[in-house]
Amino acid sequence: MSTRDRDAAAYRPRAGEPVLDSRTGRTGIYMDTIGGEHYLRPAGGGREWTARPGQLAPAPIPIPAPEAAEAAGTADTTDAPVPDPAAPDPATPDPAATNRARLAARLAARNQDSRLNESQVA
């Protein structure tokens, strides 16, 4: 190691800044430094990885934001919501609502019948 390398200021990225991990060749977003290791994650989200301070450099090309990737149609679809199999199908009527409707119709018919009977008695 030359004196110039040893005396050079260490590169310190800011949170959210795109950086290049020279060990793996991957470009990621800098998250934090804990215990002397930098934590990075892929730009579109995913599993974090660690890098040592001497292995980071500014990203040579800008990483597209996830919103730009979605607009271009290249977004990662693994985060798409998965339908809940236990959730009721919206096309299938709710049985409880159907039973309530039947009961209301029966009560309305019974009330109509009772009004007729009262008018006949009076």
N, C-alpha and C. Protein backbone atom coordinates (compact mmCIF):
# COMPACT_ATOMS: atom_id res chain seq x y z
N MET A 1 0.86 -1.17 0.00
CA MET A 1 0.00 0.00 0.00
C MET A 1 0.89 1.23 0.00
N SER A 2 0.62 2.14 -0.90
CA SER A 2 1.41 3.35 -0.99
C SER A 2 0.96 4.35 0.07
N THR A 3 1.77 5.33 0.30
CA THR A 3 1.44 6.37 1.26
C THR A 3 0.21 7.14 0.80
N ARG A 4 0.13 7.31 -0.51
CA ARG A 4 -1.02 8.04 -1.06
C ARG A 4 -2.33 7.31 -0.75
N ASP A 5 -2.37 5.97 -0.92
CA ASP A 5 -3.58 5.20 -0.62
C ASP A 5 -3.91 5.24 0.87
N ARG A 6 -2.86 5.16 1.69
CA ARG A 6 -3.08 5.13 3.12
C ARG A 6 -3.57 6.47 3.63
N ASP A 7 -3.11 7.58 3.06
CA ASP A 7 -3.46 8.91 3.53
C ASP A 7 -4.75 9.44 2.88
N ALA A 8 -5.24 8.76 1.87
CA ALA A 8 -6.45 9.23 1.18
C ALA A 8 -7.66 9.09 2.10
N ALA A 9 -8.53 10.06 2.03
CA ALA A 9 -9.75 10.00 2.85
C ALA A 9 -10.62 8.84 2.38
N ALA A 10 -11.16 8.12 3.33
CA ALA A 10 -12.03 6.98 3.00
C ALA A 10 -13.34 7.51 2.41
N TYR A 11 -13.84 6.81 1.43
CA TYR A 11 -15.12 7.18 0.83
C TYR A 11 -16.23 6.88 1.82
N ARG A 12 -17.04 7.87 2.12
CA ARG A 12 -18.15 7.71 3.06
C ARG A 12 -19.46 8.05 2.36
N PRO A 13 -20.20 7.04 1.95
CA PRO A 13 -21.47 7.32 1.26
C PRO A 13 -22.53 7.80 2.24
N ARG A 14 -23.54 8.45 1.69
CA ARG A 14 -24.70 8.89 2.48
C ARG A 14 -25.80 7.84 2.33
N ALA A 15 -26.68 7.74 3.31
CA ALA A 15 -27.79 6.79 3.24
C ALA A 15 -28.63 7.07 2.00
N GLY A 16 -28.93 6.01 1.24
CA GLY A 16 -29.72 6.12 0.02
C GLY A 16 -28.89 6.37 -1.23
N GLU A 17 -27.59 6.52 -1.09
CA GLU A 17 -26.73 6.80 -2.23
C GLU A 17 -26.36 5.50 -2.96
N PRO A 18 -26.39 5.49 -4.30
CA PRO A 18 -25.97 4.29 -5.04
C PRO A 18 -24.45 4.15 -4.97
N VAL A 19 -23.99 2.94 -4.68
CA VAL A 19 -22.56 2.67 -4.56
C VAL A 19 -22.22 1.38 -5.29
N LEU A 20 -20.93 1.22 -5.61
CA LEU A 20 -20.43 0.02 -6.26
C LEU A 20 -19.62 -0.77 -5.25
N ASP A 21 -19.96 -2.04 -5.08
CA ASP A 21 -19.20 -2.96 -4.23
C ASP A 21 -18.15 -3.59 -5.13
N SER A 22 -16.88 -3.19 -4.97
CA SER A 22 -15.82 -3.67 -5.86
C SER A 22 -15.51 -5.15 -5.64
N ARG A 23 -15.84 -5.70 -4.47
CA ARG A 23 -15.58 -7.12 -4.23
C ARG A 23 -16.50 -7.99 -5.07
N THR A 24 -17.79 -7.64 -5.12
CA THR A 24 -18.76 -8.46 -5.85
C THR A 24 -19.08 -7.91 -7.24
N GLY A 25 -18.78 -6.62 -7.47
CA GLY A 25 -19.12 -6.00 -8.74
C GLY A 25 -20.58 -5.55 -8.80
N ARG A 26 -21.30 -5.70 -7.70
CA ARG A 26 -22.72 -5.31 -7.66
C ARG A 26 -22.87 -3.84 -7.29
N THR A 27 -23.90 -3.23 -7.85
CA THR A 27 -24.26 -1.87 -7.50
C THR A 27 -25.47 -1.94 -6.60
N GLY A 28 -25.44 -1.18 -5.51
CA GLY A 28 -26.55 -1.20 -4.58
C GLY A 28 -26.73 0.14 -3.91
N ILE A 29 -27.71 0.20 -3.04
CA ILE A 29 -28.02 1.41 -2.29
C ILE A 29 -27.40 1.28 -0.90
N TYR A 30 -26.63 2.28 -0.49
CA TYR A 30 -26.02 2.28 0.84
C TYR A 30 -27.11 2.52 1.89
N MET A 31 -27.13 1.66 2.92
CA MET A 31 -28.13 1.78 3.97
C MET A 31 -27.53 2.35 5.26
N ASP A 32 -26.46 1.72 5.77
CA ASP A 32 -25.90 2.12 7.05
C ASP A 32 -24.56 1.42 7.25
N THR A 33 -23.81 1.88 8.24
CA THR A 33 -22.58 1.21 8.65
C THR A 33 -22.75 0.76 10.09
N ILE A 34 -22.58 -0.53 10.32
CA ILE A 34 -22.70 -1.10 11.66
C ILE A 34 -21.52 -2.02 11.87
N GLY A 35 -20.81 -1.81 12.98
CA GLY A 35 -19.68 -2.67 13.30
C GLY A 35 -18.57 -2.64 12.26
N GLY A 36 -18.40 -1.52 11.58
CA GLY A 36 -17.34 -1.40 10.59
C GLY A 36 -17.68 -1.97 9.23
N GLU A 37 -18.89 -2.46 9.05
CA GLU A 37 -19.31 -2.99 7.74
C GLU A 37 -20.43 -2.13 7.17
N HIS A 38 -20.35 -1.91 5.87
CA HIS A 38 -21.40 -1.16 5.18
C HIS A 38 -22.50 -2.13 4.76
N TYR A 39 -23.74 -1.73 4.96
CA TYR A 39 -24.88 -2.54 4.54
C TYR A 39 -25.48 -1.94 3.28
N LEU A 40 -25.61 -2.79 2.25
CA LEU A 40 -26.14 -2.38 0.96
C LEU A 40 -27.34 -3.24 0.61
N ARG A 41 -28.21 -2.72 -0.26
CA ARG A 41 -29.33 -3.52 -0.76
C ARG A 41 -29.52 -3.21 -2.23
N PRO A 42 -30.13 -4.15 -2.98
CA PRO A 42 -30.40 -3.89 -4.40
C PRO A 42 -31.33 -2.69 -4.57
N ALA A 43 -31.22 -1.99 -5.68
CA ALA A 43 -32.02 -0.78 -5.92
C ALA A 43 -33.52 -1.08 -5.94
N GLY A 44 -33.93 -2.21 -6.46
CA GLY A 44 -35.35 -2.54 -6.53
C GLY A 44 -35.85 -3.23 -5.28
N GLY A 45 -35.03 -3.30 -4.24
CA GLY A 45 -35.41 -4.01 -3.03
C GLY A 45 -34.86 -5.42 -3.07
N GLY A 46 -34.72 -6.02 -1.94
CA GLY A 46 -34.20 -7.37 -1.88
C GLY A 46 -33.32 -7.56 -0.67
N ARG A 47 -32.56 -8.62 -0.68
CA ARG A 47 -31.73 -9.00 0.45
C ARG A 47 -30.48 -8.13 0.54
N GLU A 48 -30.22 -7.62 1.76
CA GLU A 48 -29.04 -6.81 1.98
C GLU A 48 -27.78 -7.66 1.96
N TRP A 49 -26.64 -7.02 1.70
CA TRP A 49 -25.35 -7.67 1.83
C TRP A 49 -24.40 -6.65 2.45
N THR A 50 -23.26 -7.12 2.91
CA THR A 50 -22.29 -6.25 3.57
C THR A 50 -21.04 -6.10 2.71
N ALA A 51 -20.38 -4.98 2.93
CA ALA A 51 -19.12 -4.69 2.25
C ALA A 51 -18.20 -3.98 3.23
N ARG A 52 -16.93 -4.16 3.06
CA ARG A 52 -15.96 -3.46 3.91
C ARG A 52 -15.76 -2.05 3.37
N PRO A 53 -15.36 -1.12 4.23
CA PRO A 53 -15.23 0.28 3.80
C PRO A 53 -14.32 0.48 2.59
N GLY A 54 -13.24 -0.23 2.47
CA GLY A 54 -12.34 -0.05 1.33
C GLY A 54 -12.88 -0.60 0.03
N GLN A 55 -14.00 -1.31 0.07
CA GLN A 55 -14.54 -1.95 -1.13
C GLN A 55 -15.63 -1.13 -1.81
N LEU A 56 -15.97 0.02 -1.25
CA LEU A 56 -17.05 0.83 -1.82
C LEU A 56 -16.51 1.99 -2.63
N ALA A 57 -17.24 2.31 -3.70
CA ALA A 57 -16.94 3.47 -4.54
C ALA A 57 -18.27 4.02 -5.04
N PRO A 58 -18.30 5.28 -5.45
CA PRO A 58 -19.55 5.81 -6.02
C PRO A 58 -19.96 4.99 -7.23
N ALA A 59 -21.24 4.81 -7.42
CA ALA A 59 -21.75 4.05 -8.56
C ALA A 59 -21.39 4.79 -9.86
N PRO A 60 -20.86 4.07 -10.86
CA PRO A 60 -20.45 4.73 -12.10
C PRO A 60 -21.63 5.23 -12.93
N ILE A 61 -22.78 4.56 -12.85
CA ILE A 61 -23.96 5.00 -13.59
C ILE A 61 -25.11 5.09 -12.60
N PRO A 62 -26.02 6.02 -12.80
CA PRO A 62 -27.14 6.13 -11.85
C PRO A 62 -28.04 4.90 -11.92
N ILE A 63 -28.55 4.52 -10.78
CA ILE A 63 -29.48 3.39 -10.68
C ILE A 63 -30.89 3.95 -10.84
N PRO A 64 -31.71 3.39 -11.73
CA PRO A 64 -33.07 3.92 -11.88
C PRO A 64 -33.87 3.69 -10.62
N ALA A 65 -34.67 4.67 -10.27
CA ALA A 65 -35.55 4.54 -9.11
C ALA A 65 -36.61 3.49 -9.42
N PRO A 66 -37.15 2.81 -8.40
CA PRO A 66 -38.19 1.81 -8.65
C PRO A 66 -39.39 2.37 -9.41
N GLU A 67 -39.75 3.65 -9.17
CA GLU A 67 -40.89 4.24 -9.88
C GLU A 67 -40.60 4.32 -11.38
N ALA A 68 -39.34 4.65 -11.74
CA ALA A 68 -38.97 4.72 -13.15
C ALA A 68 -39.00 3.33 -13.78
N ALA A 69 -38.58 2.32 -13.03
CA ALA A 69 -38.61 0.95 -13.54
C ALA A 69 -40.05 0.49 -13.77
N GLU A 70 -40.95 0.89 -12.88
CA GLU A 70 -42.37 0.52 -13.05
C GLU A 70 -42.94 1.19 -14.29
N ALA A 71 -42.58 2.45 -14.49
CA ALA A 71 -43.10 3.18 -15.66
C ALA A 71 -42.57 2.55 -16.95
N ALA A 72 -41.35 2.04 -16.91
CA ALA A 72 -40.76 1.42 -18.10
C ALA A 72 -41.22 -0.03 -18.27
N GLY A 73 -41.92 -0.55 -17.27
CA GLY A 73 -42.40 -1.92 -17.36
C GLY A 73 -41.36 -2.96 -17.02
N THR A 74 -40.26 -2.54 -16.37
CA THR A 74 -39.20 -3.48 -16.02
C THR A 74 -39.12 -3.71 -14.52
N ALA A 75 -40.15 -3.36 -13.80
CA ALA A 75 -40.13 -3.51 -12.35
C ALA A 75 -40.16 -4.98 -11.96
N ASP A 76 -39.58 -5.28 -10.83
CA ASP A 76 -39.59 -6.63 -10.28
C ASP A 76 -40.99 -6.91 -9.76
N THR A 77 -41.60 -7.97 -10.23
CA THR A 77 -42.98 -8.27 -9.85
C THR A 77 -43.07 -9.23 -8.68
N THR A 78 -41.95 -9.54 -8.04
CA THR A 78 -42.01 -10.48 -6.93
C THR A 78 -42.69 -9.89 -5.71
N ASP A 79 -42.81 -8.55 -5.66
CA ASP A 79 -43.46 -7.90 -4.54
C ASP A 79 -44.95 -7.68 -4.79
N ALA A 80 -45.49 -8.23 -5.87
CA ALA A 80 -46.91 -8.06 -6.17
C ALA A 80 -47.73 -8.75 -5.09
N PRO A 81 -48.86 -8.16 -4.71
CA PRO A 81 -49.67 -8.77 -3.66
C PRO A 81 -50.21 -10.14 -4.10
N VAL A 82 -50.20 -11.05 -3.19
CA VAL A 82 -50.70 -12.40 -3.44
C VAL A 82 -52.10 -12.50 -2.86
N PRO A 83 -53.08 -12.97 -3.64
CA PRO A 83 -54.43 -13.05 -3.10
C PRO A 83 -54.50 -14.03 -1.93
N ASP A 84 -55.29 -13.67 -0.93
CA ASP A 84 -55.46 -14.51 0.25
C ASP A 84 -56.47 -15.60 -0.08
N PRO A 85 -56.06 -16.89 0.01
CA PRO A 85 -56.99 -17.96 -0.33
C PRO A 85 -58.17 -18.04 0.65
N ALA A 86 -58.01 -17.51 1.85
CA ALA A 86 -59.10 -17.55 2.83
C ALA A 86 -60.09 -16.41 2.63
N ALA A 87 -59.72 -15.41 1.84
CA ALA A 87 -60.62 -14.27 1.61
C ALA A 87 -61.78 -14.71 0.73
N PRO A 88 -62.97 -14.17 1.01
CA PRO A 88 -64.13 -14.54 0.19
C PRO A 88 -64.00 -14.01 -1.23
N ASP A 89 -64.54 -14.76 -2.16
CA ASP A 89 -64.55 -14.35 -3.57
C ASP A 89 -65.58 -13.24 -3.73
N PRO A 90 -65.19 -12.08 -4.28
CA PRO A 90 -66.15 -10.99 -4.41
C PRO A 90 -67.32 -11.34 -5.32
N ALA A 91 -67.15 -12.30 -6.23
CA ALA A 91 -68.25 -12.67 -7.13
C ALA A 91 -69.27 -13.56 -6.41
N THR A 92 -68.89 -14.19 -5.31
CA THR A 92 -69.79 -15.06 -4.57
C THR A 92 -70.53 -14.24 -3.52
N PRO A 93 -71.86 -14.31 -3.49
CA PRO A 93 -72.60 -13.53 -2.49
C PRO A 93 -72.33 -14.05 -1.09
N ASP A 94 -72.40 -13.13 -0.13
CA ASP A 94 -72.20 -13.47 1.27
C ASP A 94 -73.42 -14.24 1.77
N PRO A 95 -73.24 -15.48 2.27
CA PRO A 95 -74.39 -16.25 2.73
C PRO A 95 -75.14 -15.58 3.87
N ALA A 96 -74.43 -14.91 4.76
CA ALA A 96 -75.10 -14.24 5.87
C ALA A 96 -75.98 -13.11 5.36
N ALA A 97 -75.50 -12.37 4.35
CA ALA A 97 -76.30 -11.29 3.79
C ALA A 97 -77.53 -11.86 3.09
N THR A 98 -77.36 -12.99 2.41
CA THR A 98 -78.49 -13.62 1.73
C THR A 98 -79.53 -14.07 2.76
N ASN A 99 -79.09 -14.66 3.86
CA ASN A 99 -80.03 -15.09 4.91
C ASN A 99 -80.74 -13.90 5.53
N ARG A 100 -80.01 -12.80 5.75
CA ARG A 100 -80.65 -11.60 6.32
C ARG A 100 -81.70 -11.06 5.37
N ALA A 101 -81.41 -11.08 4.07
CA ALA A 101 -82.38 -10.58 3.09
C ALA A 101 -83.63 -11.45 3.07
N ARG A 102 -83.45 -12.79 3.15
CA ARG A 102 -84.61 -13.68 3.19
C ARG A 102 -85.45 -13.43 4.44
N LEU A 103 -84.80 -13.28 5.58
CA LEU A 103 -85.52 -13.03 6.83
C LEU A 103 -86.28 -11.71 6.78
N ALA A 104 -85.65 -10.68 6.22
CA ALA A 104 -86.32 -9.39 6.11
C ALA A 104 -87.55 -9.50 5.21
N ALA A 105 -87.44 -10.27 4.12
CA ALA A 105 -88.59 -10.43 3.22
C ALA A 105 -89.71 -11.18 3.92
N ARG A 106 -89.35 -12.23 4.70
CA ARG A 106 -90.39 -12.98 5.43
C ARG A 106 -91.07 -12.11 6.47
N LEU A 107 -90.29 -11.30 7.20
CA LEU A 107 -90.89 -10.42 8.21
C LEU A 107 -91.78 -9.37 7.57
N ALA A 108 -91.36 -8.83 6.42
CA ALA A 108 -92.18 -7.83 5.73
C ALA A 108 -93.48 -8.46 5.26
N ALA A 109 -93.43 -9.70 4.76
CA ALA A 109 -94.65 -10.39 4.32
C ALA A 109 -95.56 -10.66 5.51
N ARG A 110 -94.98 -11.08 6.64
CA ARG A 110 -95.78 -11.35 7.84
C ARG A 110 -96.43 -10.07 8.34
N ASN A 111 -95.70 -8.95 8.33
CA ASN A 111 -96.28 -7.68 8.75
C ASN A 111 -97.41 -7.26 7.82
N GLN A 112 -97.23 -7.49 6.54
CA GLN A 112 -98.28 -7.15 5.57
C GLN A 112 -99.52 -7.99 5.85
N ASP A 113 -99.32 -9.29 6.13
CA ASP A 113 -100.45 -10.17 6.44
C ASP A 113 -101.14 -9.73 7.72
N SER A 114 -100.39 -9.33 8.71
CA SER A 114 -101.00 -8.93 9.99
C SER A 114 -101.77 -7.63 9.82
N ARG A 115 -101.35 -6.73 8.96
CA ARG A 115 -102.10 -5.50 8.73
C ARG A 115 -103.44 -5.82 8.07
N LEU A 116 -103.42 -6.76 7.15
CA LEU A 116 -104.68 -7.16 6.52
C LEU A 116 -105.63 -7.76 7.54
N ASN A 117 -105.10 -8.57 8.41
CA ASN A 117 -105.95 -9.20 9.42
C ASN A 117 -106.52 -8.18 10.38
N GLU A 118 -105.74 -7.16 10.74
CA GLU A 118 -106.23 -6.12 11.65
C GLU A 118 -107.34 -5.31 10.97
N SER A 119 -107.19 -5.03 9.70
CA SER A 119 -108.21 -4.25 9.01
C SER A 119 -109.49 -5.05 8.83
N GLN A 120 -109.35 -6.35 8.72
CA GLN A 120 -110.53 -7.18 8.58
C GLN A 120 -111.28 -7.27 9.90
N VAL A 121 -110.57 -7.25 11.01
CA VAL A 121 -111.19 -7.37 12.32
C VAL A 121 -111.89 -6.07 12.70
N ALA A 122 -111.33 -4.95 12.36
CA ALA A 122 -111.87 -3.68 12.81
C ALA A 122 -113.12 -3.27 12.17
